[in-house]
N, C-alpha and C. Protein backbone atom coordinates (compact mmCIF):
# COMPACT_ATOMS: atom_id res chain seq x y z
N MET A 1 97.75 115.70 64.62
CA MET A 1 97.10 115.79 65.91
C MET A 1 95.59 115.80 65.69
N ASN A 2 94.88 115.13 66.57
CA ASN A 2 93.41 115.13 66.49
C ASN A 2 92.85 116.46 66.93
N GLU A 3 91.76 116.84 66.30
CA GLU A 3 91.08 118.06 66.71
C GLU A 3 90.23 117.76 67.94
N ILE A 4 90.02 118.77 68.75
CA ILE A 4 89.14 118.62 69.91
C ILE A 4 88.00 119.61 69.77
N THR A 5 86.80 119.19 70.10
CA THR A 5 85.64 120.05 70.01
C THR A 5 85.24 120.48 71.42
N PHE A 6 85.07 121.76 71.61
CA PHE A 6 84.62 122.26 72.89
C PHE A 6 83.10 122.29 72.88
N PRO A 7 82.46 121.56 73.82
CA PRO A 7 81.00 121.45 73.81
C PRO A 7 80.27 122.79 73.87
N ASP A 8 80.86 123.78 74.57
CA ASP A 8 80.15 125.05 74.70
C ASP A 8 80.18 125.86 73.40
N LYS A 9 81.12 125.61 72.50
CA LYS A 9 81.22 126.37 71.26
C LYS A 9 80.81 125.55 70.04
N GLN A 10 80.88 124.23 70.16
CA GLN A 10 80.53 123.33 69.07
C GLN A 10 81.34 123.62 67.80
N THR A 11 82.58 124.06 67.97
CA THR A 11 83.47 124.27 66.83
C THR A 11 84.80 123.62 67.13
N ALA A 12 85.43 123.12 66.11
CA ALA A 12 86.74 122.49 66.28
C ALA A 12 87.83 123.50 66.01
N ILE A 13 88.94 123.38 66.73
CA ILE A 13 90.09 124.24 66.48
C ILE A 13 91.33 123.36 66.35
N ASP A 14 92.32 123.90 65.73
CA ASP A 14 93.61 123.24 65.66
C ASP A 14 94.44 123.84 66.80
N PRO A 15 94.66 123.10 67.91
CA PRO A 15 95.34 123.69 69.06
C PRO A 15 96.79 124.05 68.78
N GLU A 16 97.37 123.46 67.74
CA GLU A 16 98.76 123.78 67.42
C GLU A 16 98.88 125.09 66.63
N ASN A 17 97.84 125.45 65.86
CA ASN A 17 97.86 126.66 65.03
C ASN A 17 96.54 127.42 65.16
N PRO A 18 96.23 127.92 66.35
CA PRO A 18 94.95 128.62 66.50
C PRO A 18 94.98 129.98 65.82
N SER A 19 93.82 130.40 65.34
CA SER A 19 93.70 131.75 64.81
C SER A 19 93.71 132.71 66.00
N PRO A 20 93.93 134.01 65.76
CA PRO A 20 94.00 134.96 66.88
C PRO A 20 92.76 134.92 67.79
N ASN A 21 91.57 134.71 67.24
CA ASN A 21 90.38 134.70 68.10
C ASN A 21 90.18 133.34 68.76
N GLU A 22 91.04 132.37 68.48
CA GLU A 22 90.95 131.06 69.13
C GLU A 22 92.02 130.86 70.20
N GLN A 23 92.82 131.89 70.47
CA GLN A 23 93.92 131.76 71.42
C GLN A 23 93.45 131.29 72.80
N GLY A 24 92.37 131.88 73.30
CA GLY A 24 91.86 131.50 74.62
C GLY A 24 91.41 130.05 74.65
N ARG A 25 90.73 129.62 73.61
CA ARG A 25 90.28 128.23 73.56
C ARG A 25 91.46 127.29 73.40
N ALA A 26 92.51 127.72 72.69
CA ALA A 26 93.71 126.89 72.56
C ALA A 26 94.35 126.71 73.94
N GLN A 27 94.37 127.79 74.74
CA GLN A 27 94.91 127.69 76.09
C GLN A 27 94.07 126.71 76.91
N ASP A 28 92.73 126.81 76.79
CA ASP A 28 91.85 125.87 77.48
C ASP A 28 92.18 124.44 77.05
N TRP A 29 92.40 124.24 75.76
CA TRP A 29 92.70 122.91 75.26
C TRP A 29 94.01 122.40 75.84
N ASN A 30 95.03 123.27 75.92
CA ASN A 30 96.32 122.86 76.47
C ASN A 30 96.19 122.48 77.94
N GLU A 31 95.37 123.21 78.69
CA GLU A 31 95.13 122.86 80.09
C GLU A 31 94.40 121.52 80.18
N LEU A 32 93.42 121.32 79.31
CA LEU A 32 92.70 120.05 79.29
C LEU A 32 93.64 118.91 78.94
N LYS A 33 94.50 119.13 77.97
CA LYS A 33 95.47 118.12 77.55
C LYS A 33 96.40 117.75 78.71
N GLU A 34 96.87 118.77 79.46
CA GLU A 34 97.75 118.52 80.60
C GLU A 34 97.04 117.68 81.67
N LYS A 35 95.79 118.03 81.97
CA LYS A 35 95.02 117.26 82.95
C LYS A 35 94.82 115.83 82.47
N HIS A 36 94.52 115.69 81.18
CA HIS A 36 94.34 114.35 80.60
C HIS A 36 95.63 113.54 80.74
N ASN A 37 96.78 114.13 80.42
CA ASN A 37 98.05 113.42 80.52
C ASN A 37 98.35 113.03 81.95
N ASN A 38 98.01 113.89 82.91
CA ASN A 38 98.21 113.54 84.32
C ASN A 38 97.38 112.33 84.70
N VAL A 39 96.14 112.28 84.23
CA VAL A 39 95.28 111.14 84.51
C VAL A 39 95.82 109.89 83.84
N VAL A 40 96.22 110.00 82.58
CA VAL A 40 96.76 108.84 81.87
C VAL A 40 98.00 108.30 82.57
N ASN A 41 98.88 109.20 83.03
CA ASN A 41 100.07 108.75 83.75
C ASN A 41 99.70 108.08 85.06
N ALA A 42 98.68 108.57 85.74
CA ALA A 42 98.26 107.98 87.01
C ALA A 42 97.63 106.62 86.84
N ILE A 43 97.05 106.38 85.66
CA ILE A 43 96.39 105.10 85.43
C ILE A 43 97.37 103.95 85.54
N GLY A 44 98.65 104.19 85.26
CA GLY A 44 99.66 103.14 85.39
C GLY A 44 99.83 102.67 86.82
N ASN A 45 99.41 103.48 87.80
CA ASN A 45 99.50 103.10 89.20
C ASN A 45 98.38 102.13 89.55
N LYS A 46 98.70 101.19 90.43
CA LYS A 46 97.66 100.32 90.98
C LYS A 46 97.19 100.97 92.27
N VAL A 47 95.88 100.95 92.50
CA VAL A 47 95.34 101.60 93.69
C VAL A 47 94.31 100.72 94.39
N PHE A 48 94.17 100.95 95.67
CA PHE A 48 93.11 100.35 96.48
C PHE A 48 92.56 101.46 97.34
N LYS A 49 91.27 101.72 97.24
CA LYS A 49 90.59 102.67 98.11
C LYS A 49 89.51 101.89 98.84
N GLY A 50 89.47 102.05 100.15
CA GLY A 50 88.49 101.29 100.90
C GLY A 50 88.11 101.94 102.21
N LEU A 51 87.18 101.28 102.88
CA LEU A 51 86.74 101.67 104.22
C LEU A 51 86.97 100.47 105.12
N MET A 52 87.72 100.68 106.19
CA MET A 52 88.08 99.60 107.10
C MET A 52 87.29 99.73 108.40
N SER A 53 86.78 98.60 108.87
CA SER A 53 86.10 98.56 110.17
C SER A 53 86.73 97.46 111.00
N PHE A 54 86.72 97.64 112.31
CA PHE A 54 87.30 96.65 113.22
C PHE A 54 86.52 96.69 114.52
N ASP A 55 86.06 95.52 114.97
CA ASP A 55 85.28 95.45 116.20
C ASP A 55 86.08 94.90 117.38
N GLY A 56 87.41 94.82 117.23
CA GLY A 56 88.26 94.27 118.28
C GLY A 56 88.73 92.87 117.96
N THR A 57 88.01 92.18 117.06
CA THR A 57 88.43 90.83 116.66
C THR A 57 88.36 90.61 115.15
N THR A 58 87.41 91.24 114.48
CA THR A 58 87.20 90.99 113.06
C THR A 58 87.45 92.25 112.23
N VAL A 59 88.27 92.10 111.18
CA VAL A 59 88.53 93.17 110.24
C VAL A 59 87.52 93.06 109.10
N THR A 60 86.87 94.16 108.76
CA THR A 60 85.95 94.19 107.63
C THR A 60 86.40 95.30 106.69
N ILE A 61 86.54 94.97 105.41
CA ILE A 61 86.96 95.94 104.41
C ILE A 61 85.85 96.12 103.38
N LYS A 62 85.44 97.36 103.18
CA LYS A 62 84.54 97.69 102.07
C LYS A 62 85.41 98.24 100.95
N THR A 63 85.44 97.55 99.83
CA THR A 63 86.27 97.97 98.71
C THR A 63 85.53 99.00 97.87
N LEU A 64 86.15 100.15 97.67
CA LEU A 64 85.59 101.19 96.82
C LEU A 64 86.21 101.13 95.42
N VAL A 65 87.54 100.98 95.35
CA VAL A 65 88.28 100.84 94.11
C VAL A 65 89.41 99.85 94.37
N ASN A 66 89.62 98.90 93.45
CA ASN A 66 90.71 97.95 93.61
C ASN A 66 91.28 97.56 92.26
N THR A 67 92.49 98.05 91.96
CA THR A 67 93.20 97.61 90.78
C THR A 67 94.49 96.88 91.18
N ILE A 68 94.65 96.60 92.48
CA ILE A 68 95.84 95.92 92.99
C ILE A 68 95.68 94.41 92.93
N GLY A 69 94.57 93.91 93.44
CA GLY A 69 94.36 92.46 93.49
C GLY A 69 93.69 92.07 94.79
N ALA A 70 93.66 90.76 95.05
CA ALA A 70 92.94 90.21 96.20
C ALA A 70 93.80 90.25 97.47
N ILE A 71 93.80 91.39 98.13
CA ILE A 71 94.55 91.55 99.38
C ILE A 71 93.82 90.78 100.47
N VAL A 72 94.59 90.01 101.26
CA VAL A 72 94.02 89.27 102.41
C VAL A 72 94.27 90.11 103.66
N TRP A 73 93.20 90.41 104.39
CA TRP A 73 93.28 91.27 105.56
C TRP A 73 93.21 90.45 106.84
N THR A 74 94.14 90.69 107.78
CA THR A 74 94.18 89.96 109.05
C THR A 74 94.50 90.91 110.20
N ASN A 75 94.35 90.39 111.42
CA ASN A 75 94.70 91.11 112.64
C ASN A 75 95.72 90.25 113.39
N PRO A 76 97.01 90.30 112.98
CA PRO A 76 98.01 89.40 113.55
C PRO A 76 98.49 89.76 114.95
N ALA A 77 98.27 91.00 115.37
CA ALA A 77 98.75 91.43 116.68
C ALA A 77 97.89 92.57 117.17
N ASN A 78 97.97 92.82 118.47
CA ASN A 78 97.22 93.94 119.04
C ASN A 78 97.57 95.24 118.34
N GLY A 79 96.56 95.99 118.00
CA GLY A 79 96.76 97.30 117.41
C GLY A 79 97.31 97.30 116.00
N GLN A 80 97.20 96.16 115.31
CA GLN A 80 97.75 96.05 113.96
C GLN A 80 96.78 95.34 113.03
N ILE A 81 96.62 95.87 111.84
CA ILE A 81 95.85 95.21 110.80
C ILE A 81 96.77 95.09 109.59
N ARG A 82 96.84 93.88 109.04
CA ARG A 82 97.79 93.61 107.96
C ARG A 82 97.07 93.23 106.68
N GLY A 83 97.58 93.76 105.57
CA GLY A 83 97.14 93.37 104.24
C GLY A 83 98.25 92.58 103.57
N THR A 84 97.91 91.42 103.00
CA THR A 84 98.92 90.56 102.39
C THR A 84 98.53 90.21 100.97
N LEU A 85 99.48 90.36 100.06
CA LEU A 85 99.35 89.91 98.67
C LEU A 85 100.77 89.72 98.16
N VAL A 86 101.18 88.48 97.98
CA VAL A 86 102.57 88.11 97.70
C VAL A 86 103.14 88.88 96.50
N GLY A 87 104.33 89.48 96.74
CA GLY A 87 105.08 90.15 95.69
C GLY A 87 104.50 91.44 95.17
N THR A 88 103.58 92.05 95.89
CA THR A 88 102.84 93.20 95.37
C THR A 88 103.37 94.55 95.84
N PHE A 89 103.78 94.67 97.08
CA PHE A 89 104.07 95.97 97.69
C PHE A 89 105.56 96.30 97.54
N THR A 90 105.92 96.80 96.37
CA THR A 90 107.30 97.07 95.99
C THR A 90 107.93 98.17 96.83
N ALA A 91 109.19 97.95 97.24
CA ALA A 91 109.92 98.96 98.01
C ALA A 91 110.05 100.23 97.20
N ASN A 92 109.90 101.37 97.87
CA ASN A 92 110.02 102.71 97.29
C ASN A 92 108.98 103.01 96.23
N LYS A 93 107.95 102.18 96.10
CA LYS A 93 106.89 102.44 95.14
C LYS A 93 105.51 102.30 95.76
N THR A 94 105.44 101.91 97.03
CA THR A 94 104.16 101.67 97.70
C THR A 94 103.87 102.79 98.68
N PHE A 95 102.68 103.37 98.56
CA PHE A 95 102.23 104.46 99.43
C PHE A 95 100.96 103.99 100.14
N VAL A 96 100.93 104.12 101.46
CA VAL A 96 99.78 103.71 102.26
C VAL A 96 99.33 104.91 103.07
N SER A 97 98.05 105.27 102.95
CA SER A 97 97.56 106.45 103.63
C SER A 97 96.23 106.19 104.33
N PRO A 98 96.26 106.03 105.66
CA PRO A 98 95.00 105.95 106.40
C PRO A 98 94.55 107.33 106.85
N SER A 99 93.31 107.40 107.28
CA SER A 99 92.80 108.61 107.89
C SER A 99 92.97 108.47 109.40
N GLY A 100 92.95 109.56 110.13
CA GLY A 100 93.07 109.47 111.58
C GLY A 100 91.74 109.20 112.25
N LEU A 101 91.79 108.78 113.49
CA LEU A 101 90.60 108.54 114.30
C LEU A 101 90.66 109.44 115.53
N ALA A 102 89.53 109.70 116.13
CA ALA A 102 89.49 110.58 117.29
C ALA A 102 90.29 110.02 118.46
N SER A 103 90.23 108.71 118.71
CA SER A 103 90.88 108.13 119.88
C SER A 103 92.26 107.55 119.62
N TYR A 104 92.65 107.46 118.35
CA TYR A 104 93.90 106.81 117.99
C TYR A 104 94.67 107.61 116.97
N PHE A 105 95.97 107.40 116.95
CA PHE A 105 96.79 107.83 115.83
C PHE A 105 96.94 106.61 114.93
N VAL A 106 96.69 106.76 113.64
CA VAL A 106 96.76 105.64 112.71
C VAL A 106 97.90 105.87 111.73
N SER A 107 98.76 104.88 111.58
CA SER A 107 99.81 104.98 110.57
C SER A 107 99.72 103.77 109.66
N GLY A 108 100.12 103.96 108.43
CA GLY A 108 100.14 102.87 107.46
C GLY A 108 101.51 102.78 106.86
N GLN A 109 101.98 101.55 106.60
CA GLN A 109 103.31 101.41 106.05
C GLN A 109 103.47 100.10 105.28
N ARG A 110 104.39 100.09 104.34
CA ARG A 110 104.79 98.87 103.66
C ARG A 110 105.75 98.15 104.59
N GLN A 111 105.53 96.85 104.81
CA GLN A 111 106.45 96.07 105.63
C GLN A 111 107.44 95.32 104.74
N THR A 112 106.92 94.55 103.80
CA THR A 112 107.73 93.75 102.88
C THR A 112 107.09 93.81 101.50
N ASP A 113 107.67 93.12 100.54
CA ASP A 113 107.05 93.04 99.22
C ASP A 113 105.69 92.34 99.28
N ASP A 114 105.44 91.62 100.38
CA ASP A 114 104.20 90.86 100.53
C ASP A 114 103.17 91.51 101.44
N THR A 115 103.59 92.45 102.30
CA THR A 115 102.65 92.96 103.31
C THR A 115 102.73 94.47 103.51
N ILE A 116 101.59 95.02 103.89
CA ILE A 116 101.47 96.38 104.41
C ILE A 116 100.79 96.26 105.76
N ARG A 117 100.83 97.31 106.56
CA ARG A 117 100.10 97.25 107.84
C ARG A 117 99.65 98.62 108.27
N PHE A 118 98.62 98.59 109.10
CA PHE A 118 98.11 99.78 109.76
C PHE A 118 98.32 99.58 111.25
N LEU A 119 98.88 100.58 111.92
CA LEU A 119 99.10 100.53 113.37
C LEU A 119 98.19 101.55 114.04
N PHE A 120 97.61 101.14 115.14
CA PHE A 120 96.70 102.00 115.90
C PHE A 120 97.33 102.26 117.26
N THR A 121 97.66 103.52 117.50
CA THR A 121 98.38 103.90 118.71
C THR A 121 97.59 104.98 119.43
N TYR A 122 97.49 104.82 120.76
CA TYR A 122 96.88 105.89 121.54
C TYR A 122 97.79 107.10 121.51
N TYR A 123 97.26 108.25 121.80
CA TYR A 123 98.06 109.47 121.75
C TYR A 123 99.15 109.50 122.82
N ASP A 124 99.10 108.61 123.82
CA ASP A 124 100.18 108.53 124.80
C ASP A 124 101.26 107.56 124.34
N ASN A 125 101.21 107.14 123.06
CA ASN A 125 102.20 106.29 122.40
C ASN A 125 102.15 104.82 122.82
N THR A 126 101.05 104.38 123.43
CA THR A 126 100.88 102.95 123.70
C THR A 126 100.01 102.35 122.61
N THR A 127 100.27 101.11 122.26
CA THR A 127 99.51 100.44 121.21
C THR A 127 98.14 100.05 121.72
N SER A 128 97.14 100.31 120.93
CA SER A 128 95.78 99.92 121.28
C SER A 128 95.62 98.43 121.09
N SER A 129 95.09 97.74 122.07
CA SER A 129 94.90 96.30 121.94
C SER A 129 93.64 95.97 121.16
N THR A 130 92.64 96.79 121.26
CA THR A 130 91.39 96.54 120.54
C THR A 130 90.81 97.84 120.00
N PRO A 131 91.39 98.34 118.92
CA PRO A 131 90.85 99.57 118.35
C PRO A 131 89.52 99.28 117.67
N ASN A 132 88.45 99.84 118.19
CA ASN A 132 87.13 99.66 117.59
C ASN A 132 86.78 100.89 116.76
N PHE A 133 86.45 100.68 115.49
CA PHE A 133 86.11 101.79 114.62
C PHE A 133 85.31 101.26 113.44
N THR A 134 84.65 102.17 112.76
CA THR A 134 83.83 101.83 111.59
C THR A 134 84.15 102.77 110.44
N ASP A 135 84.33 102.19 109.27
CA ASP A 135 84.51 102.92 108.01
C ASP A 135 85.66 103.93 108.03
N LEU A 136 86.84 103.48 108.43
CA LEU A 136 88.05 104.29 108.35
C LEU A 136 88.50 104.33 106.90
N PRO A 137 88.51 105.51 106.26
CA PRO A 137 88.94 105.57 104.86
C PRO A 137 90.46 105.35 104.75
N PHE A 138 90.87 104.61 103.74
CA PHE A 138 92.29 104.43 103.49
C PHE A 138 92.56 104.27 102.00
N TYR A 139 93.84 104.45 101.64
CA TYR A 139 94.24 104.46 100.24
C TYR A 139 95.61 103.82 100.13
N ILE A 140 95.78 102.96 99.14
CA ILE A 140 97.07 102.33 98.85
C ILE A 140 97.36 102.60 97.38
N SER A 141 98.59 103.01 97.07
CA SER A 141 98.98 103.24 95.69
C SER A 141 100.34 102.58 95.46
N ILE A 142 100.47 101.88 94.34
CA ILE A 142 101.74 101.27 93.96
C ILE A 142 102.12 101.85 92.61
N ASN A 143 103.22 102.60 92.60
CA ASN A 143 103.68 103.23 91.36
C ASN A 143 104.25 102.18 90.41
N SER A 144 103.98 102.38 89.14
CA SER A 144 104.49 101.45 88.13
C SER A 144 105.97 101.61 87.93
């Protein structure tokens, strides 16, 4: 196993066989290792983080992080914005999470292996024909 150096102590320890006075630092190392493994496992997921804007006719996406690919964004129907990338959105592995808006309820879902969509519904359960908004944060994750 590789040794890890803690910057605040500038000494290396063997996390598998710590001396009695290194027990606390060994625990710190194990916590760090667990966090590292969680990040490494998450890296296998493909993600898209962005900000979506819509003026009633045009969808604009600001990409913050994209490891999924070139998603094509359209407005195929009233109150709906669709992302398309053929063969990408695997069943039971795709998670879509929009943020809410003051005037609308926003839901995101996988439709097919090729598409996801965001639906904009008024709180009285009618679909918004022209939801106007700026910089709606959203997140898509596809598990490996």
